[in-house]
Amino acid sequence: MTRTSLPWGAMARLAGRRALFAVPVLLVVTFGVFAIAAASPFDPVKAYAGTAALGADQDTLDRLRANLGVDQPFTVRWWRWLTSALGGDLGHSSVMRQPVTQVIGERLVWSTLLCAVAFAAAVLAGTLLGVLAARRPGSVLDRAVTSLAYGLEAAPVFWIALLAVWLFALRAGVLPAGGLTDTASEQVTPGQVARHLVLPAGVLAVSQLPWFTLYVRQGVGDALAEDPVRGARARGLSERTVLLGHALRSGLLPVLTLVGSRVPELITGALLVESVFSWPGIAAATVEAATAVDFPLLAALTTLATVAVLVGNLLADLLYGLFDPRVTLHEM
């Protein structure tokens, strides 16, 4: 296989193998969700009825349990949900009082926007800081960037979020503390969304920044010490050309592995960030589905997160196979 043309056939075969592998993974994940939810101490009937359940008799609760479909063993509920989901029906959310597809559809776009902006910002900022640190190992800038990266790596994302709210919203008053639009606004405008997106996306990007910075620093630093880069310098090429044209290209290869490995933590961080900033994504729906033991919504959200992780890993392998001449997609 040559690198002159994109190996579409190998890419399709790899994607097909991963799709087959995803089937048993999704079956196990969804089954585990129903099993864990069934063992939960939370009662879906009481969560659905709210305060009305306090004065209801047992017969009323039993009828409500049957109407909600939670009177059957969890294996029956799981199989019933699975067969309906394969037909495109993800069920009805008892806690949201909406179809599951509608619950996810209304919130997924905002979570995707948040994650995409944060991930792009983390990659760009991490690449810049990593390259600057790798240019002169052991310098003051290198030690400062490395110390900052290790410090941010140890900081919990919710702590960073609360600090950002205190500093930029409460103390300086330059950015809104949360939400999607201004309080008095009756419609969603791009300008308001962009302004309200700055803090949550910035916090989520900062939480992902250390890994990209350290990976780029290590990769570019190793590339600068390789013989091809030394040869480029010996030929009289400028330092800018050597850095951007040779070292950076090979030094960024390890970063491609982060595309897949960071997806789970990106999703987890997004849930925490959305909760702190009241961002109208899937975080609130996930928390309510878990506490109310909303089986259909909980299974759908877990499946969605699992698919995102699998797709992220596939994308990382495809990118690595395309850009690293030492690896072929046939070997994956």
C-alpha atoms as a PDB file:
ATOM      1  CA  MET A   1       0.000   0.000   0.000  1.00  0.00           C
ATOM      2  CA  THR A   2       1.369   3.372  -0.974  1.00  0.00           C
ATOM      3  CA  ARG A   3       0.861   6.713   0.665  1.00  0.00           C
ATOM      4  CA  THR A   4       0.085   8.466  -2.599  1.00  0.00           C
ATOM      5  CA  SER A   5      -3.628   7.732  -2.257  1.00  0.00           C
ATOM      6  CA  LEU A   6      -5.886   7.322   0.705  1.00  0.00           C
ATOM      7  CA  PRO A   7      -6.410   3.613   1.583  1.00  0.00           C
ATOM      8  CA  TRP A   8     -10.177   3.801   1.544  1.00  0.00           C
ATOM      9  CA  GLY A   9     -10.558   0.019   1.385  1.00  0.00           C
ATOM     10  CA  ALA A  10      -8.391  -0.555   4.453  1.00  0.00           C
ATOM     11  CA  MET A  11     -10.205   2.213   6.293  1.00  0.00           C
ATOM     12  CA  ALA A  12     -13.571   0.654   5.480  1.00  0.00           C
ATOM     13  CA  ARG A  13     -12.420  -2.783   6.617  1.00  0.00           C
ATOM     14  CA  LEU A  14     -11.074  -1.376   9.883  1.00  0.00           C
ATOM     15  CA  ALA A  15     -14.322   0.500  10.483  1.00  0.00           C
ATOM     16  CA  GLY A  16     -16.286  -2.664   9.728  1.00  0.00           C
ATOM     17  CA  ARG A  17     -14.253  -4.718  12.203  1.00  0.00           C
ATOM     18  CA  ARG A  18     -14.717  -2.096  14.885  1.00  0.00           C
ATOM     19  CA  ALA A  19     -18.459  -1.963  14.193  1.00  0.00           C
ATOM     20  CA  LEU A  20     -18.704  -5.722  14.706  1.00  0.00           C
ATOM     21  CA  PHE A  21     -16.698  -5.393  17.906  1.00  0.00           C
ATOM     22  CA  ALA A  22     -19.023  -2.625  19.096  1.00  0.00           C
ATOM     23  CA  VAL A  23     -22.104  -4.854  18.994  1.00  0.00           C
ATOM     24  CA  PRO A  24     -21.215  -7.085  21.994  1.00  0.00           C
ATOM     25  CA  VAL A  25     -19.764  -4.074  23.822  1.00  0.00           C
ATOM     26  CA  LEU A  26     -23.053  -2.165  23.532  1.00  0.00           C
ATOM     27  CA  LEU A  27     -25.045  -5.242  24.559  1.00  0.00           C
ATOM     28  CA  VAL A  28     -22.940  -5.670  27.693  1.00  0.00           C
ATOM     29  CA  VAL A  29     -23.058  -1.952  28.525  1.00  0.00           C
ATOM     30  CA  THR A  30     -26.841  -1.655  28.186  1.00  0.00           C
ATOM     31  CA  PHE A  31     -27.401  -4.873  30.129  1.00  0.00           C
ATOM     32  CA  GLY A  32     -25.115  -3.579  32.871  1.00  0.00           C
ATOM     33  CA  VAL A  33     -27.039  -0.297  33.034  1.00  0.00           C
ATOM     34  CA  PHE A  34     -30.339  -2.100  33.629  1.00  0.00           C
ATOM     35  CA  ALA A  35     -28.735  -4.452  36.170  1.00  0.00           C
ATOM     36  CA  ILE A  36     -27.114  -1.642  38.169  1.00  0.00           C
ATOM     37  CA  ALA A  37     -30.251   0.502  38.009  1.00  0.00           C
ATOM     38  CA  ALA A  38     -32.337  -2.432  39.268  1.00  0.00           C
ATOM     39  CA  ALA A  39     -30.010  -2.777  42.254  1.00  0.00           C
ATOM     40  CA  SER A  40     -30.191   0.942  42.977  1.00  0.00           C
ATOM     41  CA  PRO A  41     -31.857   2.048  46.238  1.00  0.00           C
ATOM     42  CA  PHE A  42     -33.843   4.688  44.322  1.00  0.00           C
ATOM     43  CA  ASP A  43     -37.460   3.854  43.522  1.00  0.00           C
ATOM     44  CA  PRO A  44     -38.553   4.948  40.019  1.00  0.00           C
ATOM     45  CA  VAL A  45     -42.212   4.981  41.059  1.00  0.00           C
ATOM     46  CA  LYS A  46     -41.653   7.359  43.960  1.00  0.00           C
ATOM     47  CA  ALA A  47     -39.377   9.505  41.801  1.00  0.00           C
ATOM     48  CA  TYR A  48     -42.098   9.719  39.149  1.00  0.00           C
ATOM     49  CA  ALA A  49     -44.947  10.461  41.584  1.00  0.00           C
ATOM     50  CA  GLY A  50     -42.958  12.916  43.691  1.00  0.00           C
ATOM     51  CA  THR A  51     -44.654  14.087  46.876  1.00  0.00           C
ATOM     52  CA  ALA A  52     -47.901  12.408  45.789  1.00  0.00           C
ATOM     53  CA  ALA A  53     -46.281   9.047  46.540  1.00  0.00           C
ATOM     54  CA  LEU A  54     -46.115   9.898  50.246  1.00  0.00           C
ATOM     55  CA  GLY A  55     -49.886   9.688  50.669  1.00  0.00           C
ATOM     56  CA  ALA A  56     -50.604   6.963  48.108  1.00  0.00           C
ATOM     57  CA  ASP A  57     -51.600   3.461  49.156  1.00  0.00           C
ATOM     58  CA  GLN A  58     -49.776   0.343  48.026  1.00  0.00           C
ATOM     59  CA  ASP A  59     -52.372  -0.573  45.390  1.00  0.00           C
ATOM     60  CA  THR A  60     -51.959   2.808  43.698  1.00  0.00           C
ATOM     61  CA  LEU A  61     -48.185   2.474  43.736  1.00  0.00           C
ATOM     62  CA  ASP A  62     -48.433  -1.038  42.295  1.00  0.00           C
ATOM     63  CA  ARG A  63     -50.679   0.154  39.447  1.00  0.00           C
ATOM     64  CA  LEU A  64     -48.296   3.009  38.713  1.00  0.00           C
ATOM     65  CA  ARG A  65     -45.398   0.564  38.776  1.00  0.00           C
ATOM     66  CA  ALA A  66     -47.184  -1.573  36.192  1.00  0.00           C
ATOM     67  CA  ASN A  67     -47.984   1.463  34.024  1.00  0.00           C
ATOM     68  CA  LEU A  68     -44.337   2.496  34.052  1.00  0.00           C
ATOM     69  CA  GLY A  69     -43.295  -1.041  33.185  1.00  0.00           C
ATOM     70  CA  VAL A  70     -40.957  -1.421  36.160  1.00  0.00           C
ATOM     71  CA  ASP A  71     -42.840  -4.337  37.721  1.00  0.00           C
ATOM     72  CA  GLN A  72     -40.994  -6.836  35.515  1.00  0.00           C
ATOM     73  CA  PRO A  73     -37.491  -8.273  36.136  1.00  0.00           C
ATOM     74  CA  PHE A  74     -34.724  -6.097  34.771  1.00  0.00           C
ATOM     75  CA  THR A  75     -33.821  -8.716  32.160  1.00  0.00           C
ATOM     76  CA  VAL A  76     -37.329  -8.439  30.679  1.00  0.00           C
ATOM     77  CA  ARG A  77     -37.143  -4.647  30.725  1.00  0.00           C
ATOM     78  CA  TRP A  78     -33.716  -4.716  29.090  1.00  0.00           C
ATOM     79  CA  TRP A  79     -34.814  -7.031  26.276  1.00  0.00           C
ATOM     80  CA  ARG A  80     -37.982  -5.023  25.690  1.00  0.00           C
ATOM     81  CA  TRP A  81     -36.001  -1.772  25.491  1.00  0.00           C
ATOM     82  CA  LEU A  82     -33.355  -3.350  23.246  1.00  0.00           C
ATOM     83  CA  THR A  83     -35.831  -4.689  20.705  1.00  0.00           C
ATOM     84  CA  SER A  84     -37.669  -1.355  20.632  1.00  0.00           C
ATOM     85  CA  ALA A  85     -34.397   0.570  20.271  1.00  0.00           C
ATOM     86  CA  LEU A  86     -33.396  -1.537  17.273  1.00  0.00           C
ATOM     87  CA  GLY A  87     -36.635  -0.380  15.673  1.00  0.00           C
ATOM     88  CA  GLY A  88     -35.842   3.271  16.369  1.00  0.00           C
ATOM     89  CA  ASP A  89     -37.968   3.647  19.517  1.00  0.00           C
ATOM     90  CA  LEU A  90     -35.819   4.495  22.548  1.00  0.00           C
ATOM     91  CA  GLY A  91     -38.815   4.607  24.848  1.00  0.00           C
ATOM     92  CA  HIS A  92     -40.390   7.302  26.989  1.00  0.00           C
ATOM     93  CA  SER A  93     -38.605   9.126  29.787  1.00  0.00           C
ATOM     94  CA  SER A  94     -40.637   8.980  32.980  1.00  0.00           C
ATOM     95  CA  VAL A  95     -38.674  11.738  34.716  1.00  0.00           C
ATOM     96  CA  MET A  96     -38.667  14.138  31.742  1.00  0.00           C
ATOM     97  CA  ARG A  97     -42.218  13.271  30.622  1.00  0.00           C
ATOM     98  CA  GLN A  98     -40.930  13.184  27.022  1.00  0.00           C
ATOM     99  CA  PRO A  99     -39.816  10.621  24.443  1.00  0.00           C
ATOM    100  CA  VAL A 100     -36.149   9.760  24.966  1.00  0.00           C
ATOM    101  CA  THR A 101     -35.282  10.818  21.401  1.00  0.00           C
ATOM    102  CA  GLN A 102     -36.733  14.255  22.086  1.00  0.00           C
ATOM    103  CA  VAL A 103     -34.864  14.593  25.385  1.00  0.00           C
ATOM    104  CA  ILE A 104     -31.554  13.748  23.736  1.00  0.00           C
ATOM    105  CA  GLY A 105     -32.251  15.778  20.591  1.00  0.00           C
ATOM    106  CA  GLU A 106     -32.955  18.970  22.551  1.00  0.00           C
ATOM    107  CA  ARG A 107     -29.767  18.697  24.601  1.00  0.00           C
ATOM    108  CA  LEU A 108     -27.200  16.876  22.494  1.00  0.00           C
ATOM    109  CA  VAL A 109     -26.528  19.814  20.183  1.00  0.00           C
ATOM    110  CA  TRP A 110     -25.462  22.023  23.104  1.00  0.00           C
ATOM    111  CA  SER A 111     -23.250  19.323  24.633  1.00  0.00           C
ATOM    112  CA  THR A 112     -21.660  18.680  21.233  1.00  0.00           C
ATOM    113  CA  LEU A 113     -20.996  22.405  20.757  1.00  0.00           C
ATOM    114  CA  LEU A 114     -19.379  22.650  24.183  1.00  0.00           C
ATOM    115  CA  CYS A 115     -17.170  19.583  23.690  1.00  0.00           C
ATOM    116  CA  ALA A 116     -16.140  20.512  20.137  1.00  0.00           C
ATOM    117  CA  VAL A 117     -15.100  24.070  21.022  1.00  0.00           C
ATOM    118  CA  ALA A 118     -13.267  22.948  24.169  1.00  0.00           C
ATOM    119  CA  PHE A 119     -11.479  20.100  22.410  1.00  0.00           C
ATOM    120  CA  ALA A 120     -10.342  22.323  19.532  1.00  0.00           C
ATOM    121  CA  ALA A 121      -9.111  24.989  21.943  1.00  0.00           C
ATOM    122  CA  ALA A 122      -7.231  22.402  24.019  1.00  0.00           C
ATOM    123  CA  VAL A 123      -5.511  20.932  20.951  1.00  0.00           C
ATOM    124  CA  LEU A 124      -4.457  24.332  19.579  1.00  0.00           C
ATOM    125  CA  ALA A 125      -3.287  25.759  22.912  1.00  0.00           C
ATOM    126  CA  GLY A 126      -1.603  22.495  23.918  1.00  0.00           C
ATOM    127  CA  THR A 127       0.262  22.317  20.604  1.00  0.00           C
ATOM    128  CA  LEU A 128       1.461  25.908  20.911  1.00  0.00           C
ATOM    129  CA  LEU A 129       2.624  25.534  24.511  1.00  0.00           C
ATOM    130  CA  GLY A 130       4.209  22.154  23.843  1.00  0.00           C
ATOM    131  CA  VAL A 131       6.207  23.453  20.874  1.00  0.00           C
ATOM    132  CA  LEU A 132       7.387  26.517  22.785  1.00  0.00           C
ATOM    133  CA  ALA A 133       8.529  24.332  25.676  1.00  0.00           C
ATOM    134  CA  ALA A 134      10.249  21.768  23.421  1.00  0.00           C
ATOM    135  CA  ARG A 135      12.296  24.364  21.540  1.00  0.00           C
ATOM    136  CA  ARG A 136      14.577  24.963  24.522  1.00  0.00           C
ATOM    137  CA  PRO A 137      14.455  22.061  26.998  1.00  0.00           C
ATOM    138  CA  GLY A 138      15.314  23.058  30.540  1.00  0.00           C
ATOM    139  CA  SER A 139      14.737  26.760  29.952  1.00  0.00           C
ATOM    140  CA  VAL A 140      12.616  28.969  32.167  1.00  0.00           C
ATOM    141  CA  LEU A 141       9.755  28.772  29.673  1.00  0.00           C
ATOM    142  CA  ASP A 142       9.992  24.991  29.521  1.00  0.00           C
ATOM    143  CA  ARG A 143       9.915  24.653  33.297  1.00  0.00           C
ATOM    144  CA  ALA A 144       7.032  27.120  33.578  1.00  0.00           C
ATOM    145  CA  VAL A 145       4.915  25.349  30.946  1.00  0.00           C
ATOM    146  CA  THR A 146       5.647  21.925  32.421  1.00  0.00           C
ATOM    147  CA  SER A 147       4.847  23.049  35.960  1.00  0.00           C
ATOM    148  CA  LEU A 148       1.606  24.633  34.773  1.00  0.00           C
ATOM    149  CA  ALA A 149       0.630  21.457  32.933  1.00  0.00           C
ATOM    150  CA  TYR A 150       1.272  19.220  35.934  1.00  0.00           C
ATOM    151  CA  GLY A 151      -0.587  21.634  38.203  1.00  0.00           C
ATOM    152  CA  LEU A 152      -3.644  21.718  35.962  1.00  0.00           C
ATOM    153  CA  GLU A 153      -3.495  17.936  35.583  1.00  0.00           C
ATOM    154  CA  ALA A 154      -3.962  17.563  39.330  1.00  0.00           C
ATOM    155  CA  ALA A 155      -6.773  20.138  39.604  1.00  0.00           C
ATOM    156  CA  PRO A 156     -10.358  18.773  39.552  1.00  0.00           C
ATOM    157  CA  VAL A 157     -12.452  20.213  36.757  1.00  0.00           C
ATOM    158  CA  PHE A 158     -15.235  21.332  39.098  1.00  0.00           C
ATOM    159  CA  TRP A 159     -12.693  23.273  41.175  1.00  0.00           C
ATOM    160  CA  ILE A 160     -11.429  25.027  38.037  1.00  0.00           C
ATOM    161  CA  ALA A 161     -15.033  25.788  37.078  1.00  0.00           C
ATOM    162  CA  LEU A 162     -15.885  27.310  40.458  1.00  0.00           C
ATOM    163  CA  LEU A 163     -12.673  29.337  40.407  1.00  0.00           C
ATOM    164  CA  ALA A 164     -13.509  30.642  36.935  1.00  0.00           C
ATOM    165  CA  VAL A 165     -17.009  31.654  38.042  1.00  0.00           C
ATOM    166  CA  TRP A 166     -15.624  33.514  41.044  1.00  0.00           C
ATOM    167  CA  LEU A 167     -12.878  35.253  39.061  1.00  0.00           C
ATOM    168  CA  PHE A 168     -14.514  36.160  35.746  1.00  0.00           C
ATOM    169  CA  ALA A 169     -18.211  36.347  36.648  1.00  0.00           C
ATOM    170  CA  LEU A 170     -18.431  37.436  40.281  1.00  0.00           C
ATOM    171  CA  ARG A 171     -15.159  39.291  40.803  1.00  0.00           C
ATOM    172  CA  ALA A 172     -14.481  40.883  37.398  1.00  0.00           C
ATOM    173  CA  GLY A 173     -18.012  40.697  36.016  1.00  0.00           C
ATOM    174  CA  VAL A 174     -16.797  40.344  32.434  1.00  0.00           C
ATOM    175  CA  LEU A 175     -18.537  37.052  31.629  1.00  0.00           C
ATOM    176  CA  PRO A 176     -21.878  35.487  32.587  1.00  0.00           C
ATOM    177  CA  ALA A 177     -21.824  32.894  35.350  1.00  0.00           C
ATOM    178  CA  GLY A 178     -23.960  30.365  33.525  1.00  0.00           C
ATOM    179  CA  GLY A 179     -26.908  29.532  31.343  1.00  0.00           C
ATOM    180  CA  LEU A 180     -27.284  29.756  27.595  1.00  0.00           C
ATOM    181  CA  THR A 181     -28.693  33.278  27.234  1.00  0.00           C
ATOM    182  CA  ASP A 182     -29.173  36.401  29.308  1.00  0.00           C
ATOM    183  CA  THR A 183     -31.832  36.288  32.004  1.00  0.00           C
ATOM    184  CA  ALA A 184     -34.169  38.799  30.361  1.00  0.00           C
ATOM    185  CA  SER A 185     -33.729  37.383  26.861  1.00  0.00           C
ATOM    186  CA  GLU A 186     -36.697  35.654  25.247  1.00  0.00           C
ATOM    187  CA  GLN A 187     -34.811  34.140  22.310  1.00  0.00           C
ATOM    188  CA  VAL A 188     -31.509  32.413  21.691  1.00  0.00           C
ATOM    189  CA  THR A 189     -29.082  34.500  19.620  1.00  0.00           C
ATOM    190  CA  PRO A 190     -25.612  33.480  18.373  1.00  0.00           C
ATOM    191  CA  GLY A 191     -24.004  36.387  20.177  1.00  0.00           C
ATOM    192  CA  GLN A 192     -25.454  35.430  23.551  1.00  0.00           C
ATOM    193  CA  VAL A 193     -24.597  31.761  23.052  1.00  0.00           C
ATOM    194  CA  ALA A 194     -20.999  32.655  22.147  1.00  0.00           C
ATOM    195  CA  ARG A 195     -20.660  34.898  25.210  1.00  0.00           C
ATOM    196  CA  HIS A 196     -22.121  32.276  27.556  1.00  0.00           C
ATOM    197  CA  LEU A 197     -19.966  29.578  25.960  1.00  0.00           C
ATOM    198  CA  VAL A 198     -16.644  31.220  26.799  1.00  0.00           C
ATOM    199  CA  LEU A 199     -16.419  30.171  30.458  1.00  0.00           C
ATOM    200  CA  PRO A 200     -17.654  26.552  30.247  1.00  0.00           C
ATOM    201  CA  ALA A 201     -15.709  25.834  27.056  1.00  0.00           C
ATOM    202  CA  GLY A 202     -12.624  27.526  28.485  1.00  0.00           C
ATOM    203  CA  VAL A 203     -12.787  25.513  31.699  1.00  0.00           C
ATOM    204  CA  LEU A 204     -13.287  22.251  29.827  1.00  0.00           C
ATOM    205  CA  ALA A 205     -10.405  23.106  27.494  1.00  0.00           C
ATOM    206  CA  VAL A 206      -8.132  23.899  30.445  1.00  0.00           C
ATOM    207  CA  SER A 207      -8.984  20.514  31.981  1.00  0.00           C
ATOM    208  CA  GLN A 208      -7.794  18.779  28.779  1.00  0.00           C
ATOM    209  CA  LEU A 209      -4.851  21.089  28.128  1.00  0.00           C
ATOM    210  CA  PRO A 210      -2.123  19.368  30.252  1.00  0.00           C
ATOM    211  CA  TRP A 211      -2.133  16.100  28.321  1.00  0.00           C
ATOM    212  CA  PHE A 212      -1.845  17.741  24.909  1.00  0.00           C
ATOM    213  CA  THR A 213       0.862  20.105  26.129  1.00  0.00           C
ATOM    214  CA  LEU A 214       2.989  17.344  27.660  1.00  0.00           C
ATOM    215  CA  TYR A 215       2.519  14.983  24.703  1.00  0.00           C
ATOM    216  CA  VAL A 216       3.479  17.648  22.168  1.00  0.00           C
ATOM    217  CA  ARG A 217       6.454  18.751  24.259  1.00  0.00           C
ATOM    218  CA  GLN A 218       7.734  15.180  24.504  1.00  0.00           C
ATOM    219  CA  GLY A 219       7.055  14.353  20.857  1.00  0.00           C
ATOM    220  CA  VAL A 220       8.578  17.512  19.408  1.00  0.00           C
ATOM    221  CA  GLY A 221      11.517  17.313  21.812  1.00  0.00           C
ATOM    222  CA  ASP A 222      12.304  13.753  20.683  1.00  0.00           C
ATOM    223  CA  ALA A 223      11.878  14.727  17.022  1.00  0.00           C
ATOM    224  CA  LEU A 224      14.339  17.607  17.364  1.00  0.00           C
ATOM    225  CA  ALA A 225      16.982  15.130  18.531  1.00  0.00           C
ATOM    226  CA  GLU A 226      16.492  12.741  15.586  1.00  0.00           C
ATOM    227  CA  ASP A 227      18.963  12.449  12.704  1.00  0.00           C
ATOM    228  CA  PRO A 228      16.617  13.748   9.961  1.00  0.00           C
ATOM    229  CA  VAL A 229      16.066  16.977  11.880  1.00  0.00           C
ATOM    230  CA  ARG A 230      19.782  17.332  12.559  1.00  0.00           C
ATOM    231  CA  GLY A 231      20.403  16.804   8.854  1.00  0.00           C
ATOM    232  CA  ALA A 232      17.897  19.524   8.004  1.00  0.00           C
ATOM    233  CA  ARG A 233      19.753  21.916  10.276  1.00  0.00           C
ATOM    234  CA  ALA A 234      23.071  20.889   8.729  1.00  0.00           C
ATOM    235  CA  ARG A 235      21.704  21.765   5.289  1.00  0.00           C
ATOM    236  CA  GLY A 236      21.209  25.321   6.487  1.00  0.00           C
ATOM    237  CA  LEU A 237      17.430  25.325   6.787  1.00  0.00           C
ATOM    238  CA  SER A 238      15.984  27.971   9.071  1.00  0.00           C
ATOM    239  CA  GLU A 239      14.944  27.029  12.578  1.00  0.00           C
ATOM    240  CA  ARG A 240      11.336  27.850  11.698  1.00  0.00           C
ATOM    241  CA  THR A 241      11.395  25.445   8.748  1.00  0.00           C
ATOM    242  CA  VAL A 242      13.066  22.735  10.791  1.00  0.00           C
ATOM    243  CA  LEU A 243      10.554  23.102  13.605  1.00  0.00           C
ATOM    244  CA  LEU A 244       7.349  23.402  11.585  1.00  0.00           C
ATOM    245  CA  GLY A 245       8.276  21.330   8.563  1.00  0.00           C
ATOM    246  CA  HIS A 246      10.087  18.415  10.204  1.00  0.00           C
ATOM    247  CA  ALA A 247       9.928  18.203  13.995  1.00  0.00           C
ATOM    248  CA  LEU A 248       6.321  19.242  14.446  1.00  0.00           C
ATOM    249  CA  ARG A 249       5.002  16.828  11.820  1.00  0.00           C
ATOM    250  CA  SER A 250       6.546  13.758  13.450  1.00  0.00           C
ATOM    251  CA  GLY A 251       6.204  15.118  16.974  1.00  0.00           C
ATOM    252  CA  LEU A 252       2.427  15.390  16.659  1.00  0.00           C
ATOM    253  CA  LEU A 253       1.968  11.690  15.883  1.00  0.00           C
ATOM    254  CA  PRO A 254       1.696  10.666  19.568  1.00  0.00           C
ATOM    255  CA  VAL A 255      -1.010  13.307  20.007  1.00  0.00           C
ATOM    256  CA  LEU A 256      -3.265  11.379  17.628  1.00  0.00           C
ATOM    257  CA  THR A 257      -3.589   8.643  20.246  1.00  0.00           C
ATOM    258  CA  LEU A 258      -5.077  11.198  22.612  1.00  0.00           C
ATOM    259  CA  VAL A 259      -8.044  11.779  20.301  1.00  0.00           C
ATOM    260  CA  GLY A 260      -9.547   8.500  21.420  1.00  0.00           C
ATOM    261  CA  SER A 261      -8.172   8.197  24.944  1.00  0.00           C
ATOM    262  CA  ARG A 262      -9.374  11.648  26.016  1.00  0.00           C
ATOM    263  CA  VAL A 263     -12.995  11.151  24.879  1.00  0.00           C
ATOM    264  CA  PRO A 264     -14.174   9.435  28.111  1.00  0.00           C
ATOM    265  CA  GLU A 265     -12.714  12.154  30.324  1.00  0.00           C
ATOM    266  CA  LEU A 266     -13.964  14.830  27.950  1.00  0.00           C
ATOM    267  CA  ILE A 267     -17.505  13.476  28.394  1.00  0.00           C
ATOM    268  CA  THR A 268     -17.111  13.237  32.176  1.00  0.00           C
ATOM    269  CA  GLY A 269     -15.653  16.729  32.365  1.00  0.00           C
ATOM    270  CA  ALA A 270     -18.455  18.076  30.184  1.00  0.00           C
ATOM    271  CA  LEU A 271     -21.060  16.669  32.580  1.00  0.00           C
ATOM    272  CA  LEU A 272     -19.423  18.437  35.530  1.00  0.00           C
ATOM    273  CA  VAL A 273     -18.931  21.679  33.624  1.00  0.00           C
ATOM    274  CA  GLU A 274     -22.523  21.685  32.407  1.00  0.00           C
ATOM    275  CA  SER A 275     -23.740  21.198  35.975  1.00  0.00           C
ATOM    276  CA  VAL A 276     -21.665  24.085  37.344  1.00  0.00           C
ATOM    277  CA  PHE A 277     -22.550  26.517  34.539  1.00  0.00           C
ATOM    278  CA  SER A 278     -26.180  25.382  34.081  1.00  0.00           C
ATOM    279  CA  TRP A 279     -25.404  24.634  30.448  1.00  0.00           C
ATOM    280  CA  PRO A 280     -28.488  23.018  28.846  1.00  0.00           C
ATOM    281  CA  GLY A 281     -26.729  19.852  27.712  1.00  0.00           C
ATOM    282  CA  ILE A 282     -27.215  16.241  28.675  1.00  0.00           C
ATOM    283  CA  ALA A 283     -25.704  16.599  32.160  1.00  0.00           C
ATOM    284  CA  ALA A 284     -28.963  17.460  33.939  1.00  0.00           C
ATOM    285  CA  ALA A 285     -30.785  14.708  32.056  1.00  0.00           C
ATOM    286  CA  THR A 286     -28.095  12.201  33.040  1.00  0.00           C
ATOM    287  CA  VAL A 287     -28.257  13.108  36.724  1.00  0.00           C
ATOM    288  CA  GLU A 288     -32.055  13.022  36.816  1.00  0.00           C
ATOM    289  CA  ALA A 289     -32.145   9.734  34.897  1.00  0.00           C
ATOM    290  CA  ALA A 290     -29.739   8.173  37.392  1.00  0.00           C
ATOM    291  CA  THR A 291     -31.475   9.387  40.561  1.00  0.00           C
ATOM    292  CA  ALA A 292     -34.951   8.581  39.226  1.00  0.00           C
ATOM    293  CA  VAL A 293     -33.839   5.190  37.804  1.00  0.00           C
ATOM    294  CA  ASP A 294     -35.246   6.195  34.425  1.00  0.00           C
ATOM    295  CA  PHE A 295     -34.277   3.000  32.594  1.00  0.00           C
ATOM    296  CA  PRO A 296     -34.916   4.049  28.968  1.00  0.00           C
ATOM    297  CA  LEU A 297     -33.209   7.446  29.266  1.00  0.00           C
ATOM    298  CA  LEU A 298     -30.319   6.087  31.319  1.00  0.00           C
ATOM    299  CA  ALA A 299     -29.689   3.275  28.832  1.00  0.00           C
ATOM    300  CA  ALA A 300     -29.868   5.633  25.843  1.00  0.00           C
ATOM    301  CA  LEU A 301     -27.453   8.154  27.366  1.00  0.00           C
ATOM    302  CA  THR A 302     -25.003   5.414  28.373  1.00  0.00           C
ATOM    303  CA  THR A 303     -25.175   3.908  24.892  1.00  0.00           C
ATOM    304  CA  LEU A 304     -24.548   7.339  23.378  1.00  0.00           C
ATOM    305  CA  ALA A 305     -21.472   7.863  25.566  1.00  0.00           C
ATOM    306  CA  THR A 306     -20.165   4.384  24.704  1.00  0.00           C
ATOM    307  CA  VAL A 307     -20.603   5.027  20.983  1.00  0.00           C
ATOM    308  CA  ALA A 308     -18.723   8.325  21.338  1.00  0.00           C
ATOM    309  CA  VAL A 309     -15.794   6.534  22.999  1.00  0.00           C
ATOM    310  CA  LEU A 310     -15.703   3.807  20.333  1.00  0.00           C
ATOM    311  CA  VAL A 311     -15.868   6.366  17.515  1.00  0.00           C
ATOM    312  CA  GLY A 312     -13.083   8.388  19.159  1.00  0.00           C
ATOM    313  CA  ASN A 313     -10.840   5.324  19.362  1.00  0.00           C
ATOM    314  CA  LEU A 314     -11.594   4.443  15.724  1.00  0.00           C
ATOM    315  CA  LEU A 315     -10.804   7.998  14.612  1.00  0.00           C
ATOM    316  CA  ALA A 316      -7.500   7.932  16.495  1.00  0.00           C
ATOM    317  CA  ASP A 317      -6.485   4.649  14.848  1.00  0.00           C
ATOM    318  CA  LEU A 318      -7.473   5.894  11.388  1.00  0.00           C
ATOM    319  CA  LEU A 319      -5.491   9.109  11.798  1.00  0.00           C
ATOM    320  CA  TYR A 320      -2.468   7.266  13.159  1.00  0.00           C
ATOM    321  CA  GLY A 321      -2.556   4.764  10.314  1.00  0.00           C
ATOM    322  CA  LEU A 322      -2.811   7.527   7.720  1.00  0.00           C
ATOM    323  CA  PHE A 323      -0.089   9.819   9.025  1.00  0.00           C
ATOM    324  CA  ASP A 324       2.466   7.410  10.500  1.00  0.00           C
ATOM    325  CA  PRO A 325       4.397   5.678   7.678  1.00  0.00           C
ATOM    326  CA  ARG A 326       5.546   2.975  10.106  1.00  0.00           C
ATOM    327  CA  VAL A 327       1.970   1.763  10.635  1.00  0.00           C
ATOM    328  CA  THR A 328      -0.453   0.340   8.105  1.00  0.00           C
ATOM    329  CA  LEU A 329      -4.199   0.059   8.548  1.00  0.00           C
ATOM    330  CA  HIS A 330      -3.960  -3.639   7.636  1.00  0.00           C
ATOM    331  CA  GLU A 331      -2.063  -4.264  10.887  1.00  0.00           C
ATOM    332  CA  MET A 332      -4.821  -2.785  13.079  1.00  0.00           C
END
